[in-house]
Amino acid sequence: MTPQTSSGDLLADRRYGYGAACLAEGDVATAAEMAEQTLERAPRFAPAWFLLGRAREAQHRAGGDEGAFHAALRAYANALDLDPEDGQGARLHLARMGEGAVMEAITPAYVRALFDGYAPRFERHLVDDLHYRGPSMLVAALDRAAGAAAPFAVALDLGCGTGLVGEALGGRVAHLTGVDLSPGMLAHAERAGRYRRLVAGDLRSFLATEPAGAFDLVVSADVFIYVGDLAAVLCAIARVLRVGGYAAFTVQSPPGPGVELGQDGRYAHGEGALSQAIAAAGLDLRLAEEAAIRRESDADVPGRVVVLRRPDPGAASRP
């Protein structure tokens, strides 16, 4: 489900649009006022509740106003009640404000809406503005762990986006499948012609329905920043890997050892949490390197590139 785009009331829509513009310019007081005026005419318009939440949250951050804090919580809760799939990200804001489950803060509907809107400028923004190096670093790490330019018969790119990882893999893969939540991203990937198969859907649901041992390689670049429970995903990846198959991915790194949901709206997985997730999946760690895969605000974002291998459970018992 895509987020509601119109309240059905022209005047309410105009006030909402003006309020959103005010918020973007930093005028949070006017943004809140316009959101409230919108809701007077269209009380079930979820985006207006979300706008009100963002404006009140900004007021709280600026001045420590406890009234604004609680007003933001109520507004986000109302937005979520009207849009349970949460295409706007109310759960994320609530979790960062200390309300709600952190591990469930980022929903598939939110990620889908985020990247459908981002698709037309995705590659240009990542490469030119954020100096994104994830795909090339991922493939280079895979080459070091599995052997230079190792060939793979069947591979899976989780959260393939527009196909940057597919491009970086070059001729290493005979049959490459890409999965992404965003139809807008997949349209770009299809035009690039890097994938034999493209699937629109959530990576967890996709992994659950694929045959066991279906892939020689599973890759995922800058995707697990939207996944809190990494252990569950790695267990699902382990199931679809053949014995001896590889998994390679990137994660963002927090200051501590656990899992943190940052103010940037992304999950960061510390060394301790990463080790526990790998052990739970029964995979062997072949390589883990610190890597700044992109820059934000003129600073490197700390992260890791990780390569795992599915072991042969019978190898240890053989003479």
Protein backbone atom coordinates (compact mmCIF):
# COMPACT_ATOMS: atom_id res chain seq x y z
CA MET A 1 0.00 0.00 0.00
CA THR A 2 1.37 3.41 -0.92
CA PRO A 3 1.00 6.33 1.51
CA GLN A 4 -2.17 8.37 1.04
CA THR A 5 -1.44 11.29 -1.29
CA SER A 6 -4.63 13.32 -1.01
CA SER A 7 -7.13 14.00 1.73
CA GLY A 8 -9.91 14.43 -0.80
CA ASP A 9 -10.30 18.07 0.24
CA LEU A 10 -8.52 20.56 -2.01
CA LEU A 11 -8.13 23.24 0.65
CA ALA A 12 -6.82 20.69 3.17
CA ASP A 13 -4.32 19.44 0.60
CA ARG A 14 -3.09 22.97 -0.04
CA ARG A 15 -2.59 23.60 3.68
CA TYR A 16 -0.80 20.29 4.03
CA GLY A 17 1.52 21.07 1.10
CA TYR A 18 2.33 24.49 2.55
CA GLY A 19 2.99 22.94 5.94
CA ALA A 20 5.33 20.35 4.45
CA ALA A 21 7.24 23.11 2.65
CA CYS A 22 7.52 25.10 5.89
CA LEU A 23 8.91 22.07 7.70
CA ALA A 24 11.50 21.56 4.96
CA GLU A 25 12.58 25.18 5.42
CA GLY A 26 12.84 24.84 9.21
CA ASP A 27 9.70 26.82 10.10
CA VAL A 28 8.32 24.17 12.48
CA ALA A 29 5.77 26.42 14.18
CA THR A 30 4.00 27.22 10.90
CA ALA A 31 4.31 23.58 9.82
CA ALA A 32 2.51 22.46 12.98
CA GLU A 33 -0.17 25.11 12.53
CA MET A 34 -0.79 24.10 8.90
CA ALA A 35 -0.94 20.41 9.88
CA GLU A 36 -3.55 21.19 12.53
CA GLN A 37 -5.60 23.25 10.08
CA THR A 38 -5.42 20.38 7.60
CA LEU A 39 -6.67 17.95 10.24
CA GLU A 40 -9.59 20.21 11.12
CA ARG A 41 -10.88 19.61 7.59
CA ALA A 42 -9.52 16.07 7.07
CA PRO A 43 -9.08 14.35 10.44
CA ARG A 44 -8.34 10.95 8.87
CA PHE A 45 -5.55 12.16 6.58
CA ALA A 46 -2.58 10.14 7.88
CA PRO A 47 0.17 12.28 6.24
CA ALA A 48 -1.07 15.35 8.10
CA TRP A 49 -0.79 13.52 11.43
CA PHE A 50 2.72 12.45 10.44
CA LEU A 51 3.59 16.04 9.48
CA LEU A 52 2.27 17.26 12.82
CA GLY A 53 4.37 14.64 14.59
CA ARG A 54 7.53 15.73 12.79
CA ALA A 55 6.87 19.39 13.52
CA ARG A 56 6.18 18.79 17.22
CA GLU A 57 9.20 16.48 17.49
CA ALA A 58 11.38 19.22 15.98
CA GLN A 59 9.97 21.73 18.47
CA HIS A 60 10.84 19.38 21.32
CA ARG A 61 14.39 18.86 20.04
CA ALA A 62 14.89 22.61 19.66
CA GLY A 63 13.63 23.67 23.07
CA GLY A 64 13.03 20.62 25.24
CA ASP A 65 9.28 21.32 25.31
CA GLU A 66 7.71 18.28 27.01
CA GLY A 67 4.27 19.27 25.72
CA ALA A 68 5.60 19.13 22.17
CA PHE A 69 7.17 15.73 22.90
CA HIS A 70 3.86 14.19 23.98
CA ALA A 71 2.03 15.92 21.14
CA ALA A 72 4.46 14.31 18.70
CA LEU A 73 3.87 10.87 20.21
CA ARG A 74 0.09 11.29 19.88
CA ALA A 75 0.39 12.49 16.29
CA TYR A 76 2.61 9.59 15.25
CA ALA A 77 0.29 7.12 16.98
CA ASN A 78 -2.67 8.56 15.06
CA ALA A 79 -0.74 8.35 11.78
CA LEU A 80 0.06 4.72 12.49
CA ASP A 81 -3.53 3.93 13.42
CA LEU A 82 -4.71 5.32 10.07
CA ASP A 83 -1.85 3.71 8.11
CA PRO A 84 -1.03 0.39 9.86
CA GLU A 85 1.43 -0.65 7.15
CA ASP A 86 3.32 2.56 8.00
CA GLY A 87 4.42 3.82 4.62
CA GLN A 88 5.55 7.11 6.21
CA GLY A 89 7.76 5.79 9.02
CA ALA A 90 5.79 6.63 12.16
CA ARG A 91 7.15 3.50 13.90
CA LEU A 92 10.68 4.66 13.21
CA HIS A 93 10.06 8.06 14.81
CA LEU A 94 8.30 6.52 17.79
CA ALA A 95 11.17 4.09 18.37
CA ARG A 96 13.76 6.87 18.23
CA MET A 97 11.69 8.77 20.81
CA GLY A 98 11.76 5.76 23.13
CA GLU A 99 8.32 4.36 22.30
CA GLY A 100 7.78 1.07 20.48
CA ALA A 101 9.93 -1.90 19.49
CA VAL A 102 13.28 -0.83 18.05
CA MET A 103 13.76 -4.07 16.07
CA GLU A 104 10.43 -3.58 14.30
CA ALA A 105 10.74 0.15 13.71
CA ILE A 106 11.44 0.00 9.97
CA THR A 107 8.61 -1.58 7.99
CA PRO A 108 8.63 -2.92 4.42
CA ALA A 109 6.00 -0.37 3.43
CA TYR A 110 8.22 2.47 4.64
CA VAL A 111 11.26 1.18 2.75
CA ARG A 112 9.18 0.64 -0.40
CA ALA A 113 7.80 4.18 -0.31
CA LEU A 114 11.22 5.63 0.50
CA PHE A 115 12.97 4.02 -2.44
CA ASP A 116 10.15 4.36 -4.95
CA GLY A 117 10.51 8.12 -4.47
CA TYR A 118 14.31 7.86 -4.52
CA ALA A 119 14.61 5.66 -7.63
CA PRO A 120 14.96 8.35 -10.35
CA ARG A 121 18.02 9.92 -8.67
CA PHE A 122 19.31 6.92 -6.71
CA GLU A 123 22.53 6.08 -8.55
CA ARG A 124 23.54 9.70 -9.15
CA HIS A 125 22.96 10.65 -5.50
CA LEU A 126 24.78 7.61 -4.13
CA VAL A 127 27.80 7.77 -6.39
CA ASP A 128 28.22 11.53 -6.84
CA ASP A 129 26.97 12.90 -3.50
CA LEU A 130 27.61 10.08 -1.01
CA HIS A 131 30.70 8.64 -2.73
CA TYR A 132 29.12 5.22 -2.42
CA ARG A 133 31.62 2.37 -2.75
CA GLY A 134 29.64 -0.54 -1.32
CA PRO A 135 29.32 -2.76 -4.42
CA SER A 136 32.97 -2.53 -5.46
CA MET A 137 34.18 -3.08 -1.88
CA LEU A 138 31.82 -6.03 -1.49
CA VAL A 139 33.00 -7.74 -4.67
CA ALA A 140 36.66 -7.08 -3.84
CA ALA A 141 36.18 -8.69 -0.40
CA LEU A 142 34.42 -11.65 -1.99
CA ASP A 143 37.33 -12.11 -4.39
CA ARG A 144 39.78 -12.13 -1.49
CA ALA A 145 37.74 -14.67 0.47
CA ALA A 146 36.62 -17.00 -2.33
CA GLY A 147 39.42 -16.55 -4.84
CA ALA A 148 40.05 -13.87 -7.43
CA ALA A 149 37.08 -13.44 -9.78
CA ALA A 150 35.58 -16.74 -8.54
CA PRO A 151 32.72 -17.86 -10.80
CA PHE A 152 29.27 -18.58 -9.37
CA ALA A 153 26.54 -20.44 -11.23
CA VAL A 154 23.48 -19.04 -9.43
CA ALA A 155 23.51 -15.90 -7.27
CA LEU A 156 21.00 -13.75 -5.42
CA ASP A 157 21.22 -10.00 -4.84
CA LEU A 158 19.03 -9.04 -1.85
CA GLY A 159 17.83 -5.45 -2.06
CA CYS A 160 19.28 -5.11 -5.54
CA GLY A 161 18.01 -1.57 -6.10
CA THR A 162 18.95 -0.31 -9.55
CA GLY A 163 21.56 -3.04 -10.00
CA LEU A 164 24.84 -1.55 -8.83
CA VAL A 165 25.97 -4.84 -7.26
CA GLY A 166 25.02 -6.73 -10.41
CA GLU A 167 27.23 -4.38 -12.39
CA ALA A 168 30.13 -4.78 -9.93
CA LEU A 169 29.91 -8.59 -10.11
CA GLY A 170 30.62 -8.39 -13.82
CA GLY A 171 30.98 -11.83 -15.40
CA ARG A 172 31.36 -13.73 -12.14
CA VAL A 173 27.75 -14.97 -12.13
CA ALA A 174 25.98 -17.02 -14.79
CA HIS A 175 22.43 -16.53 -13.43
CA LEU A 176 21.69 -13.56 -11.17
CA THR A 177 18.39 -12.96 -9.37
CA GLY A 178 17.57 -9.56 -7.89
CA VAL A 179 14.97 -8.90 -5.17
CA ASP A 180 13.81 -5.48 -4.05
CA LEU A 181 10.80 -3.97 -2.31
CA SER A 182 10.64 -1.02 -4.69
CA PRO A 183 9.06 -1.47 -8.14
CA GLY A 184 10.64 1.85 -9.09
CA MET A 185 14.12 0.52 -8.37
CA LEU A 186 13.42 -2.74 -10.20
CA ALA A 187 12.34 -0.84 -13.30
CA HIS A 188 15.82 0.70 -13.47
CA ALA A 189 17.48 -2.68 -12.84
CA GLU A 190 15.45 -4.27 -15.63
CA ARG A 191 16.48 -1.60 -18.12
CA ALA A 192 20.14 -2.14 -17.20
CA GLY A 193 19.85 -5.83 -18.13
CA ARG A 194 22.10 -7.15 -15.36
CA TYR A 195 19.68 -9.73 -13.96
CA ARG A 196 18.12 -12.89 -15.38
CA ARG A 197 15.28 -12.69 -12.83
CA LEU A 198 13.84 -9.75 -10.88
CA VAL A 199 11.32 -10.10 -8.04
CA ALA A 200 9.40 -7.36 -6.23
CA GLY A 201 9.00 -8.22 -2.57
CA ASP A 202 10.36 -8.32 0.95
CA LEU A 203 13.65 -10.18 1.28
CA ARG A 204 12.42 -12.24 4.25
CA SER A 205 9.34 -13.46 2.42
CA PHE A 206 11.37 -14.22 -0.69
CA LEU A 207 13.98 -16.24 1.21
CA ALA A 208 11.25 -18.22 2.98
CA THR A 209 9.77 -19.42 -0.32
CA GLU A 210 12.96 -20.29 -2.24
CA PRO A 211 14.17 -23.91 -2.31
CA ALA A 212 16.89 -24.94 0.13
CA GLY A 213 20.36 -24.85 -1.36
CA ALA A 214 19.22 -22.84 -4.39
CA PHE A 215 22.13 -20.38 -4.57
CA ASP A 216 25.91 -20.47 -4.75
CA LEU A 217 26.16 -16.85 -3.66
CA VAL A 218 23.97 -14.34 -1.80
CA VAL A 219 25.03 -10.69 -1.75
CA SER A 220 23.49 -7.63 -0.11
CA ALA A 221 25.00 -4.14 -0.15
CA ASP A 222 23.76 -1.38 2.18
CA VAL A 223 20.49 -3.22 2.80
CA PHE A 224 20.87 -4.57 6.33
CA ILE A 225 20.86 -0.97 7.61
CA TYR A 226 17.07 -1.41 7.34
CA VAL A 227 17.04 -4.79 9.14
CA GLY A 228 17.07 -4.98 12.92
CA ASP A 229 17.02 -8.76 13.43
CA LEU A 230 20.05 -9.75 11.40
CA ALA A 231 20.17 -13.27 12.87
CA ALA A 232 16.79 -14.16 11.34
CA VAL A 233 17.91 -12.98 7.91
CA LEU A 234 21.25 -14.79 8.08
CA CYS A 235 19.47 -18.01 9.09
CA ALA A 236 17.21 -17.63 6.06
CA ILE A 237 20.23 -16.98 3.83
CA ALA A 238 22.00 -20.06 5.21
CA ARG A 239 19.00 -22.20 4.25
CA VAL A 240 19.04 -21.13 0.59
CA LEU A 241 22.84 -21.44 0.24
CA ARG A 242 24.27 -24.66 -1.07
CA VAL A 243 27.04 -26.30 0.97
CA GLY A 244 30.19 -24.35 0.26
CA GLY A 245 28.22 -21.32 -0.93
CA TYR A 246 29.11 -17.77 0.05
CA ALA A 247 27.21 -14.82 1.52
CA ALA A 248 28.68 -11.32 1.30
CA PHE A 249 27.15 -8.15 2.74
CA THR A 250 27.81 -4.78 4.30
CA VAL A 251 26.62 -3.38 7.63
CA GLN A 252 26.87 -0.03 9.35
CA SER A 253 28.87 -0.03 12.60
CA PRO A 254 27.78 1.62 15.89
CA PRO A 255 30.09 2.74 18.70
CA GLY A 256 29.03 -0.22 20.86
CA PRO A 257 28.81 -4.00 20.34
CA GLY A 258 25.04 -4.29 19.97
CA VAL A 259 22.36 -3.18 17.54
CA GLU A 260 21.51 0.52 17.48
CA LEU A 261 18.84 2.52 15.65
CA GLY A 262 20.50 5.82 14.83
CA GLN A 263 19.07 9.27 14.27
CA ASP A 264 19.78 8.69 10.59
CA GLY A 265 16.95 6.15 10.59
CA ARG A 266 19.26 3.17 10.01
CA TYR A 267 20.32 0.15 12.01
CA ALA A 268 23.96 -0.31 12.92
CA HIS A 269 25.19 -3.76 13.96
CA GLY A 270 28.11 -3.95 16.35
CA GLU A 271 30.75 -6.66 16.40
CA GLY A 272 29.07 -8.59 19.22
CA ALA A 273 25.65 -8.60 17.57
CA LEU A 274 27.21 -9.55 14.24
CA SER A 275 29.09 -12.49 15.78
CA GLN A 276 25.94 -13.76 17.48
CA ALA A 277 23.92 -13.54 14.26
CA ILE A 278 26.58 -15.43 12.29
CA ALA A 279 26.78 -18.16 14.95
CA ALA A 280 22.98 -18.50 15.05
CA ALA A 281 22.96 -19.06 11.28
CA GLY A 282 25.67 -21.72 11.48
CA LEU A 283 27.83 -19.95 8.91
CA ASP A 284 31.61 -19.66 8.89
CA LEU A 285 33.20 -16.22 8.95
CA ARG A 286 35.71 -15.93 6.14
CA LEU A 287 36.35 -12.20 6.18
CA ALA A 288 35.25 -9.12 8.12
CA GLU A 289 36.85 -5.78 7.35
CA GLU A 290 36.16 -2.24 8.46
CA ALA A 291 34.98 -0.20 5.51
CA ALA A 292 33.49 3.24 4.93
CA ILE A 293 31.13 2.45 2.08
CA ARG A 294 29.72 5.98 1.82
CA ARG A 295 30.10 9.51 3.18
CA GLU A 296 27.49 11.73 4.80
CA SER A 297 27.92 15.31 6.00
CA ASP A 298 31.50 15.22 4.68
CA ALA A 299 32.41 12.31 6.96
CA ASP A 300 32.91 8.60 6.38
CA VAL A 301 30.13 6.38 7.73
CA PRO A 302 31.80 3.49 9.62
CA GLY A 303 30.84 0.00 8.54
CA ARG A 304 32.04 -3.50 7.76
CA VAL A 305 32.22 -5.77 4.77
CA VAL A 306 31.53 -9.38 5.74
CA VAL A 307 31.97 -12.63 3.80
CA LEU A 308 30.54 -15.90 5.15
CA ARG A 309 30.55 -19.49 3.88
CA ARG A 310 28.11 -22.32 4.47
CA PRO A 311 30.16 -25.20 5.87
CA ASP A 312 29.80 -28.86 5.01
CA PRO A 313 28.31 -30.37 8.20
CA GLY A 314 29.70 -33.80 7.36
CA ALA A 315 33.26 -32.70 6.65
CA ALA A 316 34.36 -32.84 10.29
CA SER A 317 33.29 -36.49 10.66
CA ARG A 318 35.11 -37.71 7.55
CA PRO A 319 38.54 -39.34 7.95
